[in-house]
């Protein structure tokens, strides 16, 4: 069982996180390294904002069509 968890550790540390280690070393190198290293974070922030706006628009669409049941007795366990 110990070998199984060591294999998982090796997979992540030796293979999957290598690009992130490279980005971290770039951040120390200078100005452009900082921008490149933080591009992953900025990309994730932009993607999250995009899908939050999409979700809010979908909720508003359902609200406008009166499709949402906001009655407190909509679920049997709330009676």
PDB file of N, CA and C in Angstrom:
ATOM      1  N   UNK A   1       0.822  -1.189   0.000  1.00  0.00           N
ATOM      2  CA  UNK A   1       0.000   0.000   0.000  1.00  0.00           C
ATOM      3  C   UNK A   1       0.868   1.255   0.000  1.00  0.00           C
ATOM      4  N   UNK A   2       2.002   1.184   0.674  1.00  0.00           N
ATOM      5  CA  UNK A   2       2.906   2.322   0.729  1.00  0.00           C
ATOM      6  C   UNK A   2       3.431   2.664  -0.668  1.00  0.00           C
ATOM      7  N   UNK A   3       3.704   1.648  -1.466  1.00  0.00           N
ATOM      8  CA  UNK A   3       4.208   1.860  -2.822  1.00  0.00           C
ATOM      9  C   UNK A   3       3.170   2.575  -3.690  1.00  0.00           C
ATOM     10  N   UNK A   4       1.903   2.282  -3.451  1.00  0.00           N
ATOM     11  CA  UNK A   4       0.837   2.933  -4.208  1.00  0.00           C
ATOM     12  C   UNK A   4       0.846   4.440  -3.967  1.00  0.00           C
ATOM     13  N   UNK A   5       0.935   4.852  -2.701  1.00  0.00           N
ATOM     14  CA  UNK A   5       0.936   6.270  -2.376  1.00  0.00           C
ATOM     15  C   UNK A   5       2.235   6.948  -2.814  1.00  0.00           C
ATOM     16  N   UNK A   6       3.328   6.225  -2.780  1.00  0.00           N
ATOM     17  CA  UNK A   6       4.582   6.782  -3.287  1.00  0.00           C
ATOM     18  C   UNK A   6       4.524   6.966  -4.804  1.00  0.00           C
ATOM     19  N   UNK A   7       3.812   6.088  -5.486  1.00  0.00           N
ATOM     20  CA  UNK A   7       3.638   6.235  -6.933  1.00  0.00           C
ATOM     21  C   UNK A   7       2.799   7.471  -7.254  1.00  0.00           C
ATOM     22  N   UNK A   8       1.765   7.710  -6.466  1.00  0.00           N
ATOM     23  CA  UNK A   8       0.959   8.913  -6.647  1.00  0.00           C
ATOM     24  C   UNK A   8       1.802  10.154  -6.403  1.00  0.00           C
ATOM     25  N   UNK A   9       2.618  10.123  -5.349  1.00  0.00           N
ATOM     26  CA  UNK A   9       3.501  11.243  -5.046  1.00  0.00           C
ATOM     27  C   UNK A   9       4.470  11.482  -6.205  1.00  0.00           C
ATOM     28  N   UNK A  10       5.049  10.434  -6.703  1.00  0.00           N
ATOM     29  CA  UNK A  10       5.990  10.557  -7.812  1.00  0.00           C
ATOM     30  C   UNK A  10       5.312  11.121  -9.057  1.00  0.00           C
ATOM     31  N   UNK A  11       4.099  10.679  -9.334  1.00  0.00           N
ATOM     32  CA  UNK A  11       3.363  11.181 -10.490  1.00  0.00           C
ATOM     33  C   UNK A  11       3.185  12.691 -10.411  1.00  0.00           C
ATOM     34  N   UNK A  12       2.740  13.172  -9.256  1.00  0.00           N
ATOM     35  CA  UNK A  12       2.478  14.601  -9.133  1.00  0.00           C
ATOM     36  C   UNK A  12       3.759  15.415  -9.024  1.00  0.00           C
ATOM     37  N   UNK A  13       4.682  15.008  -8.175  1.00  0.00           N
ATOM     38  CA  UNK A  13       5.886  15.802  -7.931  1.00  0.00           C
ATOM     39  C   UNK A  13       6.842  15.751  -9.119  1.00  0.00           C
ATOM     40  N   UNK A  14       7.039  14.582  -9.689  1.00  0.00           N
ATOM     41  CA  UNK A  14       8.046  14.436 -10.739  1.00  0.00           C
ATOM     42  C   UNK A  14       7.530  14.750 -12.144  1.00  0.00           C
ATOM     43  N   UNK A  15       6.214  14.721 -12.353  1.00  0.00           N
ATOM     44  CA  UNK A  15       5.702  14.914 -13.703  1.00  0.00           C
ATOM     45  C   UNK A  15       4.700  16.063 -13.805  1.00  0.00           C
ATOM     46  N   UNK A  16       3.615  15.986 -13.058  1.00  0.00           N
ATOM     47  CA  UNK A  16       2.524  16.933 -13.259  1.00  0.00           C
ATOM     48  C   UNK A  16       2.825  18.344 -12.758  1.00  0.00           C
ATOM     49  N   UNK A  17       3.655  18.476 -11.720  1.00  0.00           N
ATOM     50  CA  UNK A  17       3.951  19.801 -11.178  1.00  0.00           C
ATOM     51  C   UNK A  17       5.239  20.404 -11.731  1.00  0.00           C
ATOM     52  N   UNK A  18       5.923  19.725 -12.618  1.00  0.00           N
ATOM     53  CA  UNK A  18       7.160  20.265 -13.192  1.00  0.00           C
ATOM     54  C   UNK A  18       6.932  21.590 -13.920  1.00  0.00           C
ATOM     55  N   UNK A  19       5.870  21.718 -14.732  1.00  0.00           N
ATOM     56  CA  UNK A  19       5.654  23.027 -15.375  1.00  0.00           C
ATOM     57  C   UNK A  19       5.439  24.150 -14.367  1.00  0.00           C
ATOM     58  N   UNK A  20       4.787  23.860 -13.256  1.00  0.00           N
ATOM     59  CA  UNK A  20       4.580  24.893 -12.243  1.00  0.00           C
ATOM     60  C   UNK A  20       5.887  25.259 -11.540  1.00  0.00           C
ATOM     61  N   UNK A  21       6.777  24.285 -11.354  1.00  0.00           N
ATOM     62  CA  UNK A  21       8.099  24.590 -10.793  1.00  0.00           C
ATOM     63  C   UNK A  21       8.887  25.488 -11.740  1.00  0.00           C
ATOM     64  N   UNK A  22       8.745  25.239 -13.035  1.00  0.00           N
ATOM     65  CA  UNK A  22       9.418  26.075 -14.034  1.00  0.00           C
ATOM     66  C   UNK A  22       8.874  27.503 -13.996  1.00  0.00           C
ATOM     67  N   UNK A  23       7.552  27.641 -13.879  1.00  0.00           N
ATOM     68  CA  UNK A  23       6.957  28.972 -13.787  1.00  0.00           C
ATOM     69  C   UNK A  23       7.394  29.698 -12.526  1.00  0.00           C
ATOM     70  N   UNK A  24       7.516  28.973 -11.433  1.00  0.00           N
ATOM     71  CA  UNK A  24       7.965  29.589 -10.180  1.00  0.00           C
ATOM     72  C   UNK A  24       9.396  30.082 -10.310  1.00  0.00           C
ATOM     73  N   UNK A  25      10.252  29.339 -10.999  1.00  0.00           N
ATOM     74  CA  UNK A  25      11.626  29.788 -11.181  1.00  0.00           C
ATOM     75  C   UNK A  25      11.696  30.995 -12.110  1.00  0.00           C
ATOM     76  N   UNK A  26      10.759  31.103 -13.049  1.00  0.00           N
ATOM     77  CA  UNK A  26      10.717  32.268 -13.938  1.00  0.00           C
ATOM     78  C   UNK A  26      10.391  33.545 -13.174  1.00  0.00           C
ATOM     79  N   UNK A  27       9.564  33.427 -12.156  1.00  0.00           N
ATOM     80  CA  UNK A  27       9.134  34.601 -11.405  1.00  0.00           C
ATOM     81  C   UNK A  27      10.313  35.301 -10.745  1.00  0.00           C
ATOM     82  N   UNK A  28      11.308  34.566 -10.382  1.00  0.00           N
ATOM     83  CA  UNK A  28      12.484  35.128  -9.721  1.00  0.00           C
ATOM     84  C   UNK A  28      13.380  35.842 -10.727  1.00  0.00           C
ATOM     85  N   UNK A  29      13.325  35.444 -11.995  1.00  0.00           N
ATOM     86  CA  UNK A  29      14.250  35.957 -13.005  1.00  0.00           C
ATOM     87  C   UNK A  29      14.053  37.424 -13.350  1.00  0.00           C
ATOM     88  N   UNK A  30      12.868  37.943 -13.242  1.00  0.00           N
ATOM     89  CA  UNK A  30      12.697  39.351 -13.563  1.00  0.00           C
ATOM     90  C   UNK A  30      11.278  39.717 -13.896  1.00  0.00           C
ATOM     91  N   UNK A  31      11.150  40.873 -14.547  1.00  0.00           N
ATOM     92  CA  UNK A  31       9.850  41.468 -14.827  1.00  0.00           C
ATOM     93  C   UNK A  31       8.972  40.564 -15.689  1.00  0.00           C
ATOM     94  N   UNK A  32       9.465  40.106 -16.833  1.00  0.00           N
ATOM     95  CA  UNK A  32       8.656  39.274 -17.722  1.00  0.00           C
ATOM     96  C   UNK A  32       8.377  37.906 -17.107  1.00  0.00           C
ATOM     97  N   UNK A  33       9.265  37.450 -16.279  1.00  0.00           N
ATOM     98  CA  UNK A  33       9.033  36.185 -15.594  1.00  0.00           C
ATOM     99  C   UNK A  33       7.829  36.248 -14.675  1.00  0.00           C
ATOM    100  N   UNK A  34       7.649  37.421 -14.028  1.00  0.00           N
ATOM    101  CA  UNK A  34       6.499  37.591 -13.138  1.00  0.00           C
ATOM    102  C   UNK A  34       5.207  37.495 -13.932  1.00  0.00           C
ATOM    103  N   UNK A  35       5.136  38.171 -15.079  1.00  0.00           N
ATOM    104  CA  UNK A  35       3.927  38.149 -15.901  1.00  0.00           C
ATOM    105  C   UNK A  35       3.628  36.748 -16.409  1.00  0.00           C
ATOM    106  N   UNK A  36       4.652  36.057 -16.847  1.00  0.00           N
ATOM    107  CA  UNK A  36       4.445  34.704 -17.360  1.00  0.00           C
ATOM    108  C   UNK A  36       4.036  33.747 -16.244  1.00  0.00           C
ATOM    109  N   UNK A  37       4.660  33.894 -15.093  1.00  0.00           N
ATOM    110  CA  UNK A  37       4.337  33.005 -13.972  1.00  0.00           C
ATOM    111  C   UNK A  37       2.909  33.227 -13.480  1.00  0.00           C
ATOM    112  N   UNK A  38       2.425  34.445 -13.556  1.00  0.00           N
ATOM    113  CA  UNK A  38       1.080  34.743 -13.073  1.00  0.00           C
ATOM    114  C   UNK A  38       0.021  34.633 -14.155  1.00  0.00           C
ATOM    115  N   UNK A  39       0.411  34.298 -15.370  1.00  0.00           N
ATOM    116  CA  UNK A  39      -0.562  34.134 -16.458  1.00  0.00           C
ATOM    117  C   UNK A  39      -1.544  33.006 -16.151  1.00  0.00           C
ATOM    118  N   UNK A  40      -1.082  31.973 -15.496  1.00  0.00           N
ATOM    119  CA  UNK A  40      -1.973  30.861 -15.132  1.00  0.00           C
ATOM    120  C   UNK A  40      -3.051  31.352 -14.169  1.00  0.00           C
ATOM    121  N   UNK A  41      -2.654  32.115 -13.176  1.00  0.00           N
ATOM    122  CA  UNK A  41      -3.620  32.634 -12.205  1.00  0.00           C
ATOM    123  C   UNK A  41      -4.612  33.578 -12.865  1.00  0.00           C
ATOM    124  N   UNK A  42      -4.110  34.479 -13.699  1.00  0.00           N
ATOM    125  CA  UNK A  42      -5.001  35.419 -14.372  1.00  0.00           C
ATOM    126  C   UNK A  42      -5.958  34.694 -15.308  1.00  0.00           C
ATOM    127  N   UNK A  43      -5.492  33.669 -15.972  1.00  0.00           N
ATOM    128  CA  UNK A  43      -6.364  32.899 -16.859  1.00  0.00           C
ATOM    129  C   UNK A  43      -7.482  32.233 -16.069  1.00  0.00           C
ATOM    130  N   UNK A  44      -7.153  31.658 -14.936  1.00  0.00           N
ATOM    131  CA  UNK A  44      -8.172  31.014 -14.111  1.00  0.00           C
ATOM    132  C   UNK A  44      -9.171  32.033 -13.569  1.00  0.00           C
ATOM    133  N   UNK A  45      -8.701  33.209 -13.190  1.00  0.00           N
ATOM    134  CA  UNK A  45      -9.600  34.256 -12.700  1.00  0.00           C
ATOM    135  C   UNK A  45     -10.560  34.678 -13.800  1.00  0.00           C
ATOM    136  N   UNK A  46     -10.049  34.868 -15.013  1.00  0.00           N
ATOM    137  CA  UNK A  46     -10.897  35.282 -16.137  1.00  0.00           C
ATOM    138  C   UNK A  46     -11.927  34.214 -16.466  1.00  0.00           C
ATOM    139  N   UNK A  47     -11.521  32.957 -16.455  1.00  0.00           N
ATOM    140  CA  UNK A  47     -12.460  31.859 -16.731  1.00  0.00           C
ATOM    141  C   UNK A  47     -13.547  31.804 -15.663  1.00  0.00           C
ATOM    142  N   UNK A  48     -13.173  31.953 -14.403  1.00  0.00           N
ATOM    143  CA  UNK A  48     -14.164  31.927 -13.318  1.00  0.00           C
ATOM    144  C   UNK A  48     -15.145  33.086 -13.436  1.00  0.00           C
ATOM    145  N   UNK A  49     -14.654  34.274 -13.760  1.00  0.00           N
ATOM    146  CA  UNK A  49     -15.543  35.430 -13.924  1.00  0.00           C
ATOM    147  C   UNK A  49     -16.500  35.198 -15.083  1.00  0.00           C
ATOM    148  N   UNK A  50     -15.991  34.640 -16.171  1.00  0.00           N
ATOM    149  CA  UNK A  50     -16.834  34.376 -17.343  1.00  0.00           C
ATOM    150  C   UNK A  50     -17.985  33.450 -16.985  1.00  0.00           C
ATOM    151  N   UNK A  51     -17.694  32.372 -16.269  1.00  0.00           N
ATOM    152  CA  UNK A  51     -18.743  31.419 -15.945  1.00  0.00           C
ATOM    153  C   UNK A  51     -19.661  31.916 -14.842  1.00  0.00           C
ATOM    154  N   UNK A  52     -19.181  32.792 -13.966  1.00  0.00           N
ATOM    155  CA  UNK A  52     -20.079  33.400 -12.981  1.00  0.00           C
ATOM    156  C   UNK A  52     -21.087  34.315 -13.667  1.00  0.00           C
ATOM    157  N   UNK A  53     -20.634  35.100 -14.648  1.00  0.00           N
ATOM    158  CA  UNK A  53     -21.545  35.959 -15.409  1.00  0.00           C
ATOM    159  C   UNK A  53     -22.540  35.105 -16.183  1.00  0.00           C
ATOM    160  N   UNK A  54     -22.076  34.038 -16.802  1.00  0.00           N
ATOM    161  CA  UNK A  54     -22.973  33.131 -17.525  1.00  0.00           C
ATOM    162  C   UNK A  54     -24.038  32.558 -16.593  1.00  0.00           C
ATOM    163  N   UNK A  55     -23.624  32.120 -15.403  1.00  0.00           N
ATOM    164  CA  UNK A  55     -24.555  31.511 -14.456  1.00  0.00           C
ATOM    165  C   UNK A  55     -25.587  32.535 -13.982  1.00  0.00           C
ATOM    166  N   UNK A  56     -25.149  33.752 -13.729  1.00  0.00           N
ATOM    167  CA  UNK A  56     -26.084  34.795 -13.301  1.00  0.00           C
ATOM    168  C   UNK A  56     -27.084  35.124 -14.405  1.00  0.00           C
ATOM    169  N   UNK A  57     -26.643  35.142 -15.661  1.00  0.00           N
ATOM    170  CA  UNK A  57     -27.558  35.386 -16.772  1.00  0.00           C
ATOM    171  C   UNK A  57     -28.583  34.263 -16.900  1.00  0.00           C
ATOM    172  N   UNK A  58     -28.143  33.027 -16.710  1.00  0.00           N
ATOM    173  CA  UNK A  58     -29.082  31.898 -16.771  1.00  0.00           C
ATOM    174  C   UNK A  58     -30.092  31.968 -15.629  1.00  0.00           C
ATOM    175  N   UNK A  59     -29.639  32.329 -14.442  1.00  0.00           N
ATOM    176  CA  UNK A  59     -30.567  32.470 -13.324  1.00  0.00           C
ATOM    177  C   UNK A  59     -31.587  33.575 -13.596  1.00  0.00           C
ATOM    178  N   UNK A  60     -31.120  34.677 -14.173  1.00  0.00           N
ATOM    179  CA  UNK A  60     -32.030  35.775 -14.495  1.00  0.00           C
ATOM    180  C   UNK A  60     -33.038  35.363 -15.560  1.00  0.00           C
ATOM    181  N   UNK A  61     -32.597  34.567 -16.536  1.00  0.00           N
ATOM    182  CA  UNK A  61     -33.502  34.083 -17.576  1.00  0.00           C
ATOM    183  C   UNK A  61     -34.617  33.229 -16.974  1.00  0.00           C
ATOM    184  N   UNK A  62     -34.267  32.349 -16.040  1.00  0.00           N
ATOM    185  CA  UNK A  62     -35.281  31.513 -15.388  1.00  0.00           C
ATOM    186  C   UNK A  62     -36.188  32.350 -14.496  1.00  0.00           C
ATOM    187  N   UNK A  63     -35.629  33.356 -13.874  1.00  0.00           N
ATOM    188  CA  UNK A  63     -36.419  34.239 -13.019  1.00  0.00           C
ATOM    189  C   UNK A  63     -37.444  35.007 -13.867  1.00  0.00           C
ATOM    190  N   UNK A  64     -37.023  35.487 -15.034  1.00  0.00           N
ATOM    191  CA  UNK A  64     -37.915  36.249 -15.907  1.00  0.00           C
ATOM    192  C   UNK A  64     -39.030  35.387 -16.483  1.00  0.00           C
ATOM    193  N   UNK A  65     -38.779  34.112 -16.701  1.00  0.00           N
ATOM    194  CA  UNK A  65     -39.790  33.195 -17.245  1.00  0.00           C
ATOM    195  C   UNK A  65     -40.673  32.590 -16.160  1.00  0.00           C
ATOM    196  N   UNK A  66     -40.457  32.957 -14.914  1.00  0.00           N
ATOM    197  CA  UNK A  66     -41.205  32.408 -13.768  1.00  0.00           C
ATOM    198  C   UNK A  66     -41.108  30.889 -13.702  1.00  0.00           C
ATOM    199  N   UNK A  67     -39.963  30.347 -14.050  1.00  0.00           N
ATOM    200  CA  UNK A  67     -39.753  28.901 -14.003  1.00  0.00           C
ATOM    201  C   UNK A  67     -39.231  28.440 -12.649  1.00  0.00           C
ATOM    202  N   UNK A  68     -38.771  29.375 -11.851  1.00  0.00           N
ATOM    203  CA  UNK A  68     -38.163  29.002 -10.577  1.00  0.00           C
ATOM    204  C   UNK A  68     -39.242  28.926  -9.503  1.00  0.00           C
ATOM    205  N   UNK A  69     -39.287  27.818  -8.803  1.00  0.00           N
ATOM    206  CA  UNK A  69     -40.241  27.634  -7.726  1.00  0.00           C
ATOM    207  C   UNK A  69     -39.580  28.071  -6.429  1.00  0.00           C
ATOM    208  N   UNK A  70     -39.994  29.230  -5.925  1.00  0.00           N
ATOM    209  CA  UNK A  70     -39.383  29.768  -4.711  1.00  0.00           C
ATOM    210  C   UNK A  70     -40.235  29.514  -3.479  1.00  0.00           C
ATOM    211  N   UNK A  71     -41.236  28.687  -3.590  1.00  0.00           N
ATOM    212  CA  UNK A  71     -42.082  28.349  -2.456  1.00  0.00           C
ATOM    213  C   UNK A  71     -41.274  27.535  -1.458  1.00  0.00           C
ATOM    214  N   UNK A  72     -41.438  27.846  -0.177  1.00  0.00           N
ATOM    215  CA  UNK A  72     -40.663  27.136   0.846  1.00  0.00           C
ATOM    216  C   UNK A  72     -41.112  25.686   1.001  1.00  0.00           C
ATOM    217  N   UNK A  73     -42.285  25.351   0.496  1.00  0.00           N
ATOM    218  CA  UNK A  73     -42.755  23.967   0.572  1.00  0.00           C
ATOM    219  C   UNK A  73     -42.465  23.211  -0.710  1.00  0.00           C
ATOM    220  N   UNK A  74     -41.541  23.726  -1.520  1.00  0.00           N
ATOM    221  CA  UNK A  74     -41.189  23.040  -2.775  1.00  0.00           C
ATOM    222  C   UNK A  74     -40.552  21.695  -2.507  1.00  0.00           C
ATOM    223  N   UNK A  75     -39.893  21.570  -1.380  1.00  0.00           N
ATOM    224  CA  UNK A  75     -39.253  20.308  -1.019  1.00  0.00           C
ATOM    225  C   UNK A  75     -39.989  19.722   0.177  1.00  0.00           C
ATOM    226  N   UNK A  76     -40.133  18.427   0.153  1.00  0.00           N
ATOM    227  CA  UNK A  76     -40.914  17.781   1.212  1.00  0.00           C
ATOM    228  C   UNK A  76     -40.268  17.916   2.587  1.00  0.00           C
ATOM    229  N   UNK A  77     -38.951  18.031   2.646  1.00  0.00           N
ATOM    230  CA  UNK A  77     -38.299  18.101   3.948  1.00  0.00           C
ATOM    231  C   UNK A  77     -38.383  19.502   4.571  1.00  0.00           C
ATOM    232  N   UNK A  78     -38.932  20.483   3.851  1.00  0.00           N
ATOM    233  CA  UNK A  78     -39.089  21.839   4.394  1.00  0.00           C
ATOM    234  C   UNK A  78     -40.468  22.111   4.949  1.00  0.00           C
ATOM    235  N   UNK A  79     -41.337  21.117   4.971  1.00  0.00           N
ATOM    236  CA  UNK A  79     -42.719  21.313   5.470  1.00  0.00           C
ATOM    237  C   UNK A  79     -42.731  21.615   6.937  1.00  0.00           C
TER     238      UNK A  79
END
